[in-house]
Amino acid sequence: MAQYPRELEKQVTLKDSSKVLLRAIKLGDDPLMHELFHSFSKETIYHRFFALIADMSLEQLRHYVNVDYEQRMAIVGVIKVEEREKIIAVARYDLDRPTNMAEVAVVVEDKWQNKGLGSFLLKYLAKIASSRGISGFTAEVMPDNFRMLHLLNKASGKIEKTFTEGTIRVVLKFTNENCKYSLCFAYFLQFFVGSSHFFNRCFVF
Protein backbone atom coordinates (compact mmCIF):
# COMPACT_ATOMS: atom_id res chain seq x y z
CA MET A 1 0.00 0.00 0.00
CA ALA A 2 1.35 3.39 -1.01
CA GLN A 3 1.79 6.14 1.56
CA TYR A 4 -1.39 8.11 2.23
CA PRO A 5 -1.14 11.51 0.46
CA ARG A 6 -2.21 13.86 3.25
CA GLU A 7 -1.34 16.84 1.03
CA LEU A 8 -4.44 16.10 -1.06
CA GLU A 9 -6.80 16.94 1.81
CA LYS A 10 -8.89 20.05 1.24
CA GLN A 11 -12.17 21.46 2.50
CA VAL A 12 -14.90 22.68 0.15
CA THR A 13 -18.10 24.64 0.75
CA LEU A 14 -21.25 23.41 -0.98
CA LYS A 15 -24.18 25.42 -2.34
CA ASP A 16 -26.02 25.11 0.98
CA SER A 17 -22.89 26.30 2.89
CA SER A 18 -22.12 22.79 4.18
CA LYS A 19 -18.43 22.05 4.71
CA VAL A 20 -17.07 18.79 3.29
CA LEU A 21 -13.54 17.41 3.53
CA LEU A 22 -12.12 15.96 0.32
CA ARG A 23 -9.38 13.42 0.93
CA ALA A 24 -7.87 10.33 -0.64
CA ILE A 25 -9.40 7.00 0.30
CA LYS A 26 -7.30 4.83 2.62
CA LEU A 27 -7.11 1.41 4.21
CA GLY A 28 -9.68 1.16 6.96
CA ASP A 29 -12.33 3.03 4.98
CA ASP A 30 -14.11 -0.18 3.96
CA PRO A 31 -16.76 0.03 6.75
CA LEU A 32 -17.47 3.63 5.76
CA MET A 33 -17.76 2.63 2.09
CA HIS A 34 -20.14 -0.18 3.06
CA GLU A 35 -22.24 2.34 4.98
CA LEU A 36 -22.21 4.65 1.95
CA PHE A 37 -23.44 1.85 -0.33
CA HIS A 38 -26.39 1.15 1.95
CA SER A 39 -27.36 4.83 1.89
CA PHE A 40 -27.96 4.72 -1.87
CA SER A 41 -31.40 4.61 -3.44
CA LYS A 42 -32.18 1.86 -5.96
CA GLU A 43 -31.82 4.43 -8.74
CA THR A 44 -28.33 5.46 -7.60
CA ILE A 45 -27.24 1.82 -7.29
CA TYR A 46 -28.57 1.03 -10.76
CA HIS A 47 -26.87 4.02 -12.36
CA ARG A 48 -23.56 3.26 -10.65
CA PHE A 49 -23.40 -0.52 -11.01
CA PHE A 50 -25.75 -1.07 -13.98
CA ALA A 51 -27.66 -3.57 -11.84
CA LEU A 52 -29.70 -3.63 -8.62
CA ILE A 53 -27.16 -5.35 -6.38
CA ALA A 54 -28.14 -5.89 -2.76
CA ASP A 55 -24.77 -5.72 -1.05
CA MET A 56 -21.02 -5.53 -1.52
CA SER A 57 -18.63 -8.28 -0.51
CA LEU A 58 -15.70 -7.76 1.83
CA GLU A 59 -13.37 -8.55 -1.07
CA GLN A 60 -14.95 -5.82 -3.21
CA LEU A 61 -14.71 -3.27 -0.41
CA ARG A 62 -11.06 -4.05 0.21
CA HIS A 63 -10.36 -3.66 -3.50
CA TYR A 64 -12.03 -0.24 -3.53
CA VAL A 65 -10.01 1.15 -0.62
CA ASN A 66 -6.67 -0.35 -1.72
CA VAL A 67 -5.33 2.15 -4.28
CA ASP A 68 -1.81 3.21 -5.24
CA TYR A 69 -2.65 6.95 -5.54
CA GLU A 70 -1.10 6.99 -9.02
CA GLN A 71 -2.74 4.63 -11.50
CA ARG A 72 -5.67 4.01 -9.16
CA MET A 73 -7.01 6.95 -7.19
CA ALA A 74 -10.14 7.62 -5.17
CA ILE A 75 -11.16 10.88 -3.51
CA VAL A 76 -13.93 10.75 -0.92
CA GLY A 77 -16.16 13.46 0.49
CA VAL A 78 -16.25 13.27 4.29
CA ILE A 79 -18.32 14.91 7.00
CA LYS A 80 -18.32 14.47 10.78
CA VAL A 81 -21.38 12.93 12.45
CA GLU A 82 -21.19 12.73 16.24
CA GLU A 83 -17.39 13.01 16.09
CA ARG A 84 -16.97 10.14 13.63
CA GLU A 85 -16.23 10.31 9.93
CA LYS A 86 -18.95 9.58 7.41
CA ILE A 87 -18.21 9.19 3.69
CA ILE A 88 -20.96 10.78 1.61
CA ALA A 89 -19.41 10.61 -1.88
CA VAL A 90 -16.54 9.13 -3.85
CA ALA A 91 -14.88 9.85 -7.18
CA ARG A 92 -12.27 7.49 -8.55
CA TYR A 93 -10.25 6.62 -11.61
CA ASP A 94 -8.44 3.54 -12.90
CA LEU A 95 -5.74 4.06 -15.51
CA ASP A 96 -5.65 2.08 -18.75
CA ARG A 97 -1.91 2.08 -19.49
CA PRO A 98 -2.04 1.45 -23.28
CA THR A 99 -4.22 4.53 -23.89
CA ASN A 100 -3.06 6.60 -20.89
CA MET A 101 -6.75 7.33 -20.28
CA ALA A 102 -8.44 6.56 -16.96
CA GLU A 103 -11.95 5.23 -16.40
CA VAL A 104 -13.75 7.57 -14.03
CA ALA A 105 -16.81 7.22 -11.80
CA VAL A 106 -18.51 9.56 -9.35
CA VAL A 107 -21.27 8.70 -6.90
CA VAL A 108 -22.88 10.86 -4.21
CA GLU A 109 -25.22 9.87 -1.39
CA ASP A 110 -28.75 10.76 -2.48
CA LYS A 111 -29.48 13.43 0.12
CA TRP A 112 -26.19 15.17 -0.74
CA GLN A 113 -26.90 15.35 -4.46
CA ASN A 114 -27.62 18.65 -6.24
CA LYS A 115 -25.37 20.59 -3.85
CA GLY A 116 -22.29 20.82 -6.10
CA LEU A 117 -20.32 18.04 -4.41
CA GLY A 118 -20.09 15.89 -7.54
CA SER A 119 -18.66 18.82 -9.49
CA PHE A 120 -16.05 19.50 -6.80
CA LEU A 121 -15.00 15.85 -6.80
CA LEU A 122 -14.75 15.45 -10.57
CA LYS A 123 -12.85 18.71 -11.03
CA TYR A 124 -10.40 17.87 -8.23
CA LEU A 125 -9.90 14.31 -9.47
CA ALA A 126 -9.19 15.60 -12.98
CA LYS A 127 -6.51 17.97 -11.64
CA ILE A 128 -4.90 15.14 -9.69
CA ALA A 129 -4.99 12.81 -12.69
CA SER A 130 -3.51 15.45 -14.97
CA SER A 131 -0.74 16.11 -12.45
CA ARG A 132 0.16 12.43 -12.77
CA GLY A 133 0.48 12.66 -16.54
CA ILE A 134 -2.87 11.05 -17.40
CA SER A 135 -4.34 12.26 -20.71
CA GLY A 136 -8.02 12.21 -19.78
CA PHE A 137 -11.03 10.30 -18.53
CA THR A 138 -13.42 7.79 -20.04
CA ALA A 139 -16.80 6.76 -18.64
CA GLU A 140 -19.62 4.39 -19.51
CA VAL A 141 -22.86 6.14 -18.55
CA MET A 142 -26.47 5.03 -18.76
CA PRO A 143 -28.53 7.32 -21.03
CA ASP A 144 -30.88 8.29 -18.18
CA ASN A 145 -28.06 9.08 -15.75
CA PHE A 146 -28.51 12.79 -16.33
CA ARG A 147 -26.50 13.86 -13.29
CA MET A 148 -23.32 12.11 -14.44
CA LEU A 149 -23.75 13.28 -18.02
CA HIS A 150 -24.22 16.84 -16.75
CA LEU A 151 -21.07 16.60 -14.59
CA LEU A 152 -18.99 15.41 -17.55
CA ASN A 153 -20.44 18.05 -19.87
CA LYS A 154 -19.38 20.77 -17.42
CA ALA A 155 -15.84 19.41 -17.05
CA SER A 156 -12.88 21.25 -18.51
CA GLY A 157 -11.55 19.55 -21.62
CA LYS A 158 -12.48 18.17 -25.02
CA ILE A 159 -15.45 15.84 -24.72
CA GLU A 160 -16.68 13.18 -27.16
CA LYS A 161 -19.77 10.99 -26.73
CA THR A 162 -20.79 7.84 -28.59
CA PHE A 163 -23.79 5.58 -28.04
CA THR A 164 -22.96 1.89 -27.89
CA GLU A 165 -24.68 -1.23 -26.53
CA GLY A 166 -27.24 0.71 -24.51
CA THR A 167 -24.76 3.07 -22.83
CA ILE A 168 -23.11 6.37 -23.64
CA ARG A 169 -19.33 6.23 -23.82
CA VAL A 170 -17.82 9.57 -22.83
CA VAL A 171 -14.22 10.50 -23.58
CA LEU A 172 -12.90 13.61 -21.83
CA LYS A 173 -9.43 14.71 -22.91
CA PHE A 174 -7.67 17.15 -20.62
CA THR A 175 -6.83 20.59 -22.00
CA ASN A 176 -3.67 22.67 -21.77
CA GLU A 177 -5.33 24.47 -18.87
CA ASN A 178 -5.44 21.21 -16.94
CA CYS A 179 -1.76 20.65 -17.66
CA LYS A 180 -0.83 24.19 -16.64
CA TYR A 181 -2.62 23.73 -13.31
CA SER A 182 -0.99 20.35 -12.89
CA LEU A 183 2.50 21.82 -13.25
CA CYS A 184 1.67 24.40 -10.59
CA PHE A 185 0.23 21.61 -8.45
CA ALA A 186 3.45 19.64 -8.83
CA TYR A 187 5.55 22.66 -7.83
CA PHE A 188 3.30 23.14 -4.80
CA LEU A 189 3.84 19.54 -3.73
CA GLN A 190 7.57 19.76 -4.41
CA PHE A 191 7.87 22.87 -2.23
CA PHE A 192 5.77 21.63 0.69
CA VAL A 193 6.36 17.89 0.52
CA GLY A 194 9.95 17.98 -0.70
CA SER A 195 9.66 15.13 -3.19
CA SER A 196 11.09 15.34 -6.71
CA HIS A 197 8.94 12.34 -7.60
CA PHE A 198 6.13 14.67 -8.64
CA PHE A 199 8.23 16.17 -11.43
CA ASN A 200 8.42 12.86 -13.22
CA ARG A 201 4.71 13.06 -14.10
CA CYS A 202 3.62 16.44 -16.15
CA PHE A 203 -14.22 -1.71 -11.23
CA VAL A 204 -14.79 1.38 -9.74
CA PHE A 205 -16.97 2.67 -6.90
Foldseek 3Di string as FASTA:
>chain_A
DADFDPVLWDWDAWQVRDIKIKGWAAPPCLVLVQVLVVLADQVLCCFLVVDRDDGDDPVVSRVARDDNLAQKTKIFIWDADPNDIHTFKMKIWHADVVQLETEIDIGGRPVPPPGCPRLVRVQSVLLSNVLQQRFWYKYWGAPPPVVVVVSLVPHAADWDWDDDPRTIIITGTHDVVSLVSSCVVLVVCCVVVVDCVSVVGSSHD
